[in-house]
């Protein structure tokens, strides 16, 4: 079954390659092009069977999925908890302030640490977590300005968003259908809105979690506790 997830990722990555994005975007990273080895390992190990819940992120962070190919993929958790450590290539045009060093990257991504740290604390093993959950990113592209600053998908120009959202909406729908999920949870408002738009007509419950970004004052006041309360309100039963 995991082969279908890899196929969806490859098709999405290829469909996004021809898209162009104007200023202030100067650099675009596509981990589906240069980091497929760890993504393939992630899908093969943890994408088997049906899932109750799919957690959907927005797009990669420069020190997370941009380095490891795994959603919210903070290097330490992907390597040491998920057990994935695969070769990672380079984007076609690399920003000097945002180098891709793969699993040699020494920077830590707070959002990824919070998501996977919560999963480890609550479920113990990856196998217990992925028996019911899967984590996916709505958009696989990283957008950067000349300064190296991230530019989120919602900040793109209207025409650029339309070209991006179509393929990403379609891929998310395919992933959710394939996994047979009954609950889809956007991590942050943007991901929740795109999930709701993508999944119209499917028999799934769509909800939202507080985004774990350190830029969020709320998230800095105990993200895991708040996220668990939101999951339980959506009807997700959590262990312990």
C-alpha atoms as a PDB file:
ATOM      1  CA  UNK A   1       0.000   0.000   0.000  1.00  0.00           C
ATOM      2  CA  UNK A   2       2.862   2.379   0.728  1.00  0.00           C
ATOM      3  CA  UNK A   3       3.817   2.230  -2.965  1.00  0.00           C
ATOM      4  CA  UNK A   4       0.692   4.253  -3.739  1.00  0.00           C
ATOM      5  CA  UNK A   5       1.755   7.017  -1.323  1.00  0.00           C
ATOM      6  CA  UNK A   6       5.151   7.193  -3.008  1.00  0.00           C
ATOM      7  CA  UNK A   7       3.497   7.310  -6.406  1.00  0.00           C
ATOM      8  CA  UNK A   8       1.244  10.198  -5.296  1.00  0.00           C
ATOM      9  CA  UNK A   9       4.282  12.105  -4.007  1.00  0.00           C
ATOM     10  CA  UNK A  10       6.237  11.550  -7.200  1.00  0.00           C
ATOM     11  CA  UNK A  11       3.312  12.662  -9.344  1.00  0.00           C
ATOM     12  CA  UNK A  12       2.753  15.766  -7.222  1.00  0.00           C
ATOM     13  CA  UNK A  13       6.436  16.677  -7.272  1.00  0.00           C
ATOM     14  CA  UNK A  14       6.540  16.346 -11.054  1.00  0.00           C
ATOM     15  CA  UNK A  15       3.365  18.404 -11.522  1.00  0.00           C
ATOM     16  CA  UNK A  16       4.768  21.267  -9.438  1.00  0.00           C
ATOM     17  CA  UNK A  17       8.149  21.386 -11.185  1.00  0.00           C
ATOM     18  CA  UNK A  18       6.993  23.536 -14.138  1.00  0.00           C
ATOM     19  CA  UNK A  19       5.356  26.176 -11.914  1.00  0.00           C
ATOM     20  CA  UNK A  20       7.050  29.553 -11.633  1.00  0.00           C
ATOM     21  CA  UNK A  21       6.907  32.002  -8.746  1.00  0.00           C
ATOM     22  CA  UNK A  22       7.886  35.643  -9.043  1.00  0.00           C
ATOM     23  CA  UNK A  23       9.462  38.115  -6.621  1.00  0.00           C
ATOM     24  CA  UNK A  24       9.850  38.288  -3.709  1.00  0.00           C
ATOM     25  CA  UNK A  25      10.356  34.501  -4.051  1.00  0.00           C
ATOM     26  CA  UNK A  26      13.912  33.854  -5.196  1.00  0.00           C
ATOM     27  CA  UNK A  27      14.503  30.200  -4.245  1.00  0.00           C
ATOM     28  CA  UNK A  28      12.265  27.129  -4.259  1.00  0.00           C
ATOM     29  CA  UNK A  29      13.179  23.788  -2.730  1.00  0.00           C
ATOM     30  CA  UNK A  30      11.296  20.637  -3.712  1.00  0.00           C
ATOM     31  CA  UNK A  31      12.183  17.766  -1.332  1.00  0.00           C
ATOM     32  CA  UNK A  32      10.113  15.461  -3.556  1.00  0.00           C
ATOM     33  CA  UNK A  33      12.908  15.910  -6.095  1.00  0.00           C
ATOM     34  CA  UNK A  34      16.066  15.680  -3.938  1.00  0.00           C
ATOM     35  CA  UNK A  35      14.950  13.894  -0.742  1.00  0.00           C
ATOM     36  CA  UNK A  36      12.884  10.998  -2.026  1.00  0.00           C
ATOM     37  CA  UNK A  37      15.034   8.328  -0.342  1.00  0.00           C
ATOM     38  CA  UNK A  38      13.995   9.233   3.233  1.00  0.00           C
ATOM     39  CA  UNK A  39      10.443   9.997   2.129  1.00  0.00           C
ATOM     40  CA  UNK A  40      10.235   6.581   0.502  1.00  0.00           C
ATOM     41  CA  UNK A  41      11.501   4.959   3.708  1.00  0.00           C
ATOM     42  CA  UNK A  42       8.907   6.927   5.715  1.00  0.00           C
ATOM     43  CA  UNK A  43       6.043   5.766   3.496  1.00  0.00           C
ATOM     44  CA  UNK A  44       7.270   2.170   3.360  1.00  0.00           C
ATOM     45  CA  UNK A  45       7.650   1.867   7.125  1.00  0.00           C
ATOM     46  CA  UNK A  46       4.710   3.886   8.333  1.00  0.00           C
ATOM     47  CA  UNK A  47       2.245   4.235   5.448  1.00  0.00           C
ATOM     48  CA  UNK A  48       0.928   0.677   5.579  1.00  0.00           C
ATOM     49  CA  UNK A  49      -2.722  -0.083   6.265  1.00  0.00           C
ATOM     50  CA  UNK A  50      -5.620   2.205   6.986  1.00  0.00           C
ATOM     51  CA  UNK A  51      -5.309   5.176   9.335  1.00  0.00           C
ATOM     52  CA  UNK A  52      -7.858   6.759  11.604  1.00  0.00           C
ATOM     53  CA  UNK A  53      -6.295  10.242  11.606  1.00  0.00           C
ATOM     54  CA  UNK A  54      -4.219  12.168   9.078  1.00  0.00           C
ATOM     55  CA  UNK A  55      -2.397  15.222  10.432  1.00  0.00           C
ATOM     56  CA  UNK A  56      -1.753  17.726   7.648  1.00  0.00           C
ATOM     57  CA  UNK A  57       0.981  20.350   7.812  1.00  0.00           C
ATOM     58  CA  UNK A  58       1.323  23.381   5.566  1.00  0.00           C
ATOM     59  CA  UNK A  59       4.697  23.085   3.809  1.00  0.00           C
ATOM     60  CA  UNK A  60       8.300  22.222   4.759  1.00  0.00           C
ATOM     61  CA  UNK A  61      10.409  24.235   7.135  1.00  0.00           C
ATOM     62  CA  UNK A  62      14.040  24.920   6.150  1.00  0.00           C
ATOM     63  CA  UNK A  63      15.421  22.838   9.040  1.00  0.00           C
ATOM     64  CA  UNK A  64      12.794  20.092   8.926  1.00  0.00           C
ATOM     65  CA  UNK A  65      11.318  18.474   5.833  1.00  0.00           C
ATOM     66  CA  UNK A  66      13.647  20.531   3.630  1.00  0.00           C
ATOM     67  CA  UNK A  67      16.494  18.524   5.192  1.00  0.00           C
ATOM     68  CA  UNK A  68      14.919  15.098   5.675  1.00  0.00           C
ATOM     69  CA  UNK A  69      12.028  14.785   3.203  1.00  0.00           C
ATOM     70  CA  UNK A  70       9.707  13.807   6.082  1.00  0.00           C
ATOM     71  CA  UNK A  71       6.800  16.056   7.175  1.00  0.00           C
ATOM     72  CA  UNK A  72       7.722  18.098  10.270  1.00  0.00           C
ATOM     73  CA  UNK A  73      10.985  16.213   9.816  1.00  0.00           C
ATOM     74  CA  UNK A  74      13.263  17.542  12.532  1.00  0.00           C
ATOM     75  CA  UNK A  75      16.536  15.678  11.997  1.00  0.00           C
ATOM     76  CA  UNK A  76      16.944  14.222  15.484  1.00  0.00           C
ATOM     77  CA  UNK A  77      13.458  12.733  15.687  1.00  0.00           C
ATOM     78  CA  UNK A  78      13.462  11.395  12.135  1.00  0.00           C
ATOM     79  CA  UNK A  79      16.815   9.693  12.642  1.00  0.00           C
ATOM     80  CA  UNK A  80      16.615   8.616  16.289  1.00  0.00           C
ATOM     81  CA  UNK A  81      12.894   7.917  16.809  1.00  0.00           C
ATOM     82  CA  UNK A  82      11.604   7.077  13.334  1.00  0.00           C
ATOM     83  CA  UNK A  83      14.842   5.292  12.495  1.00  0.00           C
ATOM     84  CA  UNK A  84      15.241   6.928   9.095  1.00  0.00           C
ATOM     85  CA  UNK A  85      18.654   8.094   7.868  1.00  0.00           C
ATOM     86  CA  UNK A  86      18.869   8.087   4.088  1.00  0.00           C
ATOM     87  CA  UNK A  87      20.943  10.027   1.549  1.00  0.00           C
ATOM     88  CA  UNK A  88      19.633  13.476   0.641  1.00  0.00           C
ATOM     89  CA  UNK A  89      20.649  15.415  -2.453  1.00  0.00           C
ATOM     90  CA  UNK A  90      20.592  19.132  -3.165  1.00  0.00           C
ATOM     91  CA  UNK A  91      17.985  21.494  -4.600  1.00  0.00           C
ATOM     92  CA  UNK A  92      18.720  22.884  -8.049  1.00  0.00           C
ATOM     93  CA  UNK A  93      19.420  26.362  -6.671  1.00  0.00           C
ATOM     94  CA  UNK A  94      20.511  26.494  -3.042  1.00  0.00           C
ATOM     95  CA  UNK A  95      20.180  29.600  -0.908  1.00  0.00           C
ATOM     96  CA  UNK A  96      23.485  30.278   0.869  1.00  0.00           C
ATOM     97  CA  UNK A  97      21.667  30.966   4.148  1.00  0.00           C
ATOM     98  CA  UNK A  98      19.541  27.818   3.911  1.00  0.00           C
ATOM     99  CA  UNK A  99      21.905  24.979   2.925  1.00  0.00           C
ATOM    100  CA  UNK A 100      20.518  21.474   2.587  1.00  0.00           C
ATOM    101  CA  UNK A 101      22.786  19.205   4.605  1.00  0.00           C
ATOM    102  CA  UNK A 102      20.359  16.315   5.023  1.00  0.00           C
ATOM    103  CA  UNK A 103      20.867  14.285   8.172  1.00  0.00           C
ATOM    104  CA  UNK A 104      24.103  16.170   8.807  1.00  0.00           C
ATOM    105  CA  UNK A 105      22.112  19.327   9.545  1.00  0.00           C
ATOM    106  CA  UNK A 106      22.833  20.520  13.078  1.00  0.00           C
ATOM    107  CA  UNK A 107      19.892  22.918  13.249  1.00  0.00           C
ATOM    108  CA  UNK A 108      16.724  21.850  15.042  1.00  0.00           C
ATOM    109  CA  UNK A 109      13.209  22.739  13.912  1.00  0.00           C
ATOM    110  CA  UNK A 110      10.963  23.637  16.844  1.00  0.00           C
ATOM    111  CA  UNK A 111       7.692  22.743  15.086  1.00  0.00           C
ATOM    112  CA  UNK A 112       8.966  19.292  14.185  1.00  0.00           C
ATOM    113  CA  UNK A 113      10.376  18.730  17.660  1.00  0.00           C
ATOM    114  CA  UNK A 114       7.004  19.546  19.169  1.00  0.00           C
ATOM    115  CA  UNK A 115       4.990  17.304  16.838  1.00  0.00           C
ATOM    116  CA  UNK A 116       7.241  14.248  17.003  1.00  0.00           C
ATOM    117  CA  UNK A 117       8.136  14.866  20.643  1.00  0.00           C
ATOM    118  CA  UNK A 118       4.433  14.732  21.490  1.00  0.00           C
ATOM    119  CA  UNK A 119       3.951  11.557  19.436  1.00  0.00           C
ATOM    120  CA  UNK A 120       6.868   9.887  21.225  1.00  0.00           C
ATOM    121  CA  UNK A 121       5.717  11.000  24.691  1.00  0.00           C
ATOM    122  CA  UNK A 122       2.109   9.919  24.158  1.00  0.00           C
ATOM    123  CA  UNK A 123       2.506   6.733  22.086  1.00  0.00           C
ATOM    124  CA  UNK A 124       5.987   5.509  23.031  1.00  0.00           C
ATOM    125  CA  UNK A 125       6.907   3.813  19.761  1.00  0.00           C
ATOM    126  CA  UNK A 126       6.490   4.904  16.139  1.00  0.00           C
ATOM    127  CA  UNK A 127       4.590   1.672  15.487  1.00  0.00           C
ATOM    128  CA  UNK A 128       1.947   2.546  18.092  1.00  0.00           C
ATOM    129  CA  UNK A 129       1.538   6.061  16.707  1.00  0.00           C
ATOM    130  CA  UNK A 130       1.379   5.083  13.040  1.00  0.00           C
ATOM    131  CA  UNK A 131      -1.066   2.264  13.702  1.00  0.00           C
ATOM    132  CA  UNK A 132      -3.675   5.033  13.829  1.00  0.00           C
ATOM    133  CA  UNK A 133      -2.022   8.228  12.565  1.00  0.00           C
ATOM    134  CA  UNK A 134      -0.203   9.466   9.483  1.00  0.00           C
ATOM    135  CA  UNK A 135       1.526  12.830   9.056  1.00  0.00           C
ATOM    136  CA  UNK A 136       1.473  14.531   5.667  1.00  0.00           C
ATOM    137  CA  UNK A 137       2.350  17.961   4.276  1.00  0.00           C
ATOM    138  CA  UNK A 138      -0.178  19.676   2.025  1.00  0.00           C
ATOM    139  CA  UNK A 139       2.486  21.402  -0.097  1.00  0.00           C
ATOM    140  CA  UNK A 140       5.981  19.937  -0.505  1.00  0.00           C
ATOM    141  CA  UNK A 141       7.648  23.165  -1.678  1.00  0.00           C
ATOM    142  CA  UNK A 142       9.756  25.589   0.352  1.00  0.00           C
ATOM    143  CA  UNK A 143       9.559  29.228  -0.756  1.00  0.00           C
ATOM    144  CA  UNK A 144      12.322  31.660   0.212  1.00  0.00           C
ATOM    145  CA  UNK A 145      13.001  35.341  -0.322  1.00  0.00           C
ATOM    146  CA  UNK A 146      16.398  36.855  -1.100  1.00  0.00           C
ATOM    147  CA  UNK A 147      17.066  37.324   2.631  1.00  0.00           C
ATOM    148  CA  UNK A 148      16.447  33.622   3.265  1.00  0.00           C
ATOM    149  CA  UNK A 149      13.138  34.375   4.930  1.00  0.00           C
ATOM    150  CA  UNK A 150      10.388  31.801   4.448  1.00  0.00           C
ATOM    151  CA  UNK A 151       7.387  32.785   2.381  1.00  0.00           C
ATOM    152  CA  UNK A 152       4.312  30.696   3.127  1.00  0.00           C
ATOM    153  CA  UNK A 153       1.910  29.466   0.422  1.00  0.00           C
ATOM    154  CA  UNK A 154      -0.801  31.849   1.616  1.00  0.00           C
ATOM    155  CA  UNK A 155       1.571  34.774   0.973  1.00  0.00           C
ATOM    156  CA  UNK A 156       1.993  33.911  -2.702  1.00  0.00           C
ATOM    157  CA  UNK A 157       0.262  35.910  -5.419  1.00  0.00           C
ATOM    158  CA  UNK A 158      -3.306  34.873  -6.250  1.00  0.00           C
ATOM    159  CA  UNK A 159      -2.435  33.349  -9.627  1.00  0.00           C
ATOM    160  CA  UNK A 160       0.493  31.473  -8.089  1.00  0.00           C
ATOM    161  CA  UNK A 161      -1.726  30.115  -5.341  1.00  0.00           C
ATOM    162  CA  UNK A 162      -4.271  28.851  -7.863  1.00  0.00           C
ATOM    163  CA  UNK A 163      -1.601  26.984  -9.804  1.00  0.00           C
ATOM    164  CA  UNK A 164      -0.218  25.463  -6.614  1.00  0.00           C
ATOM    165  CA  UNK A 165      -3.441  24.602  -4.824  1.00  0.00           C
ATOM    166  CA  UNK A 166      -4.963  22.535  -7.629  1.00  0.00           C
ATOM    167  CA  UNK A 167      -2.322  19.766  -7.640  1.00  0.00           C
ATOM    168  CA  UNK A 168      -1.867  19.894  -3.849  1.00  0.00           C
ATOM    169  CA  UNK A 169      -5.625  19.643  -3.243  1.00  0.00           C
ATOM    170  CA  UNK A 170      -5.822  16.643  -5.550  1.00  0.00           C
ATOM    171  CA  UNK A 171      -2.873  14.876  -3.918  1.00  0.00           C
ATOM    172  CA  UNK A 172      -4.247  15.370  -0.410  1.00  0.00           C
ATOM    173  CA  UNK A 173      -7.583  13.901  -1.465  1.00  0.00           C
ATOM    174  CA  UNK A 174      -5.827  10.872  -2.964  1.00  0.00           C
ATOM    175  CA  UNK A 175      -3.780  10.336   0.200  1.00  0.00           C
ATOM    176  CA  UNK A 176      -6.830  10.531   2.478  1.00  0.00           C
ATOM    177  CA  UNK A 177      -8.847   8.202   0.243  1.00  0.00           C
ATOM    178  CA  UNK A 178      -5.971   5.747   0.042  1.00  0.00           C
ATOM    179  CA  UNK A 179      -5.449   5.663   3.818  1.00  0.00           C
ATOM    180  CA  UNK A 180      -9.170   5.392   4.520  1.00  0.00           C
ATOM    181  CA  UNK A 181      -8.948   8.085   7.208  1.00  0.00           C
ATOM    182  CA  UNK A 182     -12.063   9.203   9.054  1.00  0.00           C
ATOM    183  CA  UNK A 183     -10.527  12.325  10.637  1.00  0.00           C
ATOM    184  CA  UNK A 184      -8.256  14.832   8.905  1.00  0.00           C
ATOM    185  CA  UNK A 185      -6.687  17.522  11.060  1.00  0.00           C
ATOM    186  CA  UNK A 186      -4.974  20.586   9.641  1.00  0.00           C
ATOM    187  CA  UNK A 187      -2.047  21.717  11.752  1.00  0.00           C
ATOM    188  CA  UNK A 188      -2.760  25.437  11.637  1.00  0.00           C
ATOM    189  CA  UNK A 189      -5.515  27.414   9.944  1.00  0.00           C
ATOM    190  CA  UNK A 190      -4.137  27.255   6.402  1.00  0.00           C
ATOM    191  CA  UNK A 191      -3.815  23.465   6.375  1.00  0.00           C
ATOM    192  CA  UNK A 192      -7.281  23.066   7.897  1.00  0.00           C
ATOM    193  CA  UNK A 193      -8.817  25.336   5.243  1.00  0.00           C
ATOM    194  CA  UNK A 194      -7.115  23.498   2.392  1.00  0.00           C
ATOM    195  CA  UNK A 195      -8.151  20.142   3.854  1.00  0.00           C
ATOM    196  CA  UNK A 196     -11.773  21.275   4.044  1.00  0.00           C
ATOM    197  CA  UNK A 197     -11.662  22.495   0.441  1.00  0.00           C
ATOM    198  CA  UNK A 198      -9.872  19.378  -0.826  1.00  0.00           C
ATOM    199  CA  UNK A 199     -12.080  16.810   0.823  1.00  0.00           C
ATOM    200  CA  UNK A 200     -15.567  18.055  -0.052  1.00  0.00           C
ATOM    201  CA  UNK A 201     -17.866  15.074  -0.568  1.00  0.00           C
ATOM    202  CA  UNK A 202     -15.722  12.593   1.360  1.00  0.00           C
ATOM    203  CA  UNK A 203     -17.026  11.022   4.562  1.00  0.00           C
ATOM    204  CA  UNK A 204     -14.349  12.538   6.782  1.00  0.00           C
ATOM    205  CA  UNK A 205     -14.353  14.913   9.736  1.00  0.00           C
ATOM    206  CA  UNK A 206     -12.037  17.895   9.209  1.00  0.00           C
ATOM    207  CA  UNK A 207     -10.624  19.804  12.155  1.00  0.00           C
ATOM    208  CA  UNK A 208      -7.759  22.049  13.174  1.00  0.00           C
ATOM    209  CA  UNK A 209      -4.851  21.955  15.615  1.00  0.00           C
ATOM    210  CA  UNK A 210      -2.900  24.864  16.969  1.00  0.00           C
ATOM    211  CA  UNK A 211       0.255  25.242  14.881  1.00  0.00           C
ATOM    212  CA  UNK A 212       3.383  24.363  16.892  1.00  0.00           C
ATOM    213  CA  UNK A 213       5.474  27.233  15.502  1.00  0.00           C
ATOM    214  CA  UNK A 214       7.572  29.136  18.061  1.00  0.00           C
ATOM    215  CA  UNK A 215       6.200  32.292  16.397  1.00  0.00           C
ATOM    216  CA  UNK A 216       2.846  31.479  18.024  1.00  0.00           C
ATOM    217  CA  UNK A 217       2.556  32.820  21.598  1.00  0.00           C
ATOM    218  CA  UNK A 218      -0.157  30.237  22.308  1.00  0.00           C
ATOM    219  CA  UNK A 219       1.998  27.361  21.079  1.00  0.00           C
ATOM    220  CA  UNK A 220       4.754  28.474  23.418  1.00  0.00           C
ATOM    221  CA  UNK A 221       2.398  27.956  26.378  1.00  0.00           C
ATOM    222  CA  UNK A 222       2.229  24.181  26.234  1.00  0.00           C
ATOM    223  CA  UNK A 223       1.488  23.178  22.651  1.00  0.00           C
ATOM    224  CA  UNK A 224       1.086  19.457  23.359  1.00  0.00           C
ATOM    225  CA  UNK A 225      -1.558  19.954  26.052  1.00  0.00           C
ATOM    226  CA  UNK A 226      -3.588  22.256  23.830  1.00  0.00           C
ATOM    227  CA  UNK A 227      -3.213  19.995  20.793  1.00  0.00           C
ATOM    228  CA  UNK A 228      -4.423  16.981  22.765  1.00  0.00           C
ATOM    229  CA  UNK A 229      -7.500  18.887  23.949  1.00  0.00           C
ATOM    230  CA  UNK A 230      -8.283  19.797  20.343  1.00  0.00           C
ATOM    231  CA  UNK A 231      -7.830  16.202  19.181  1.00  0.00           C
ATOM    232  CA  UNK A 232     -10.111  14.890  21.903  1.00  0.00           C
ATOM    233  CA  UNK A 233     -12.734  17.482  20.966  1.00  0.00           C
ATOM    234  CA  UNK A 234     -12.642  16.009  17.447  1.00  0.00           C
ATOM    235  CA  UNK A 235     -13.340  12.561  18.852  1.00  0.00           C
ATOM    236  CA  UNK A 236      -9.778  11.209  18.774  1.00  0.00           C
ATOM    237  CA  UNK A 237      -9.132   8.798  21.637  1.00  0.00           C
ATOM    238  CA  UNK A 238      -5.608   9.139  23.010  1.00  0.00           C
ATOM    239  CA  UNK A 239      -3.745   6.569  25.122  1.00  0.00           C
ATOM    240  CA  UNK A 240      -2.827   7.102  28.718  1.00  0.00           C
END
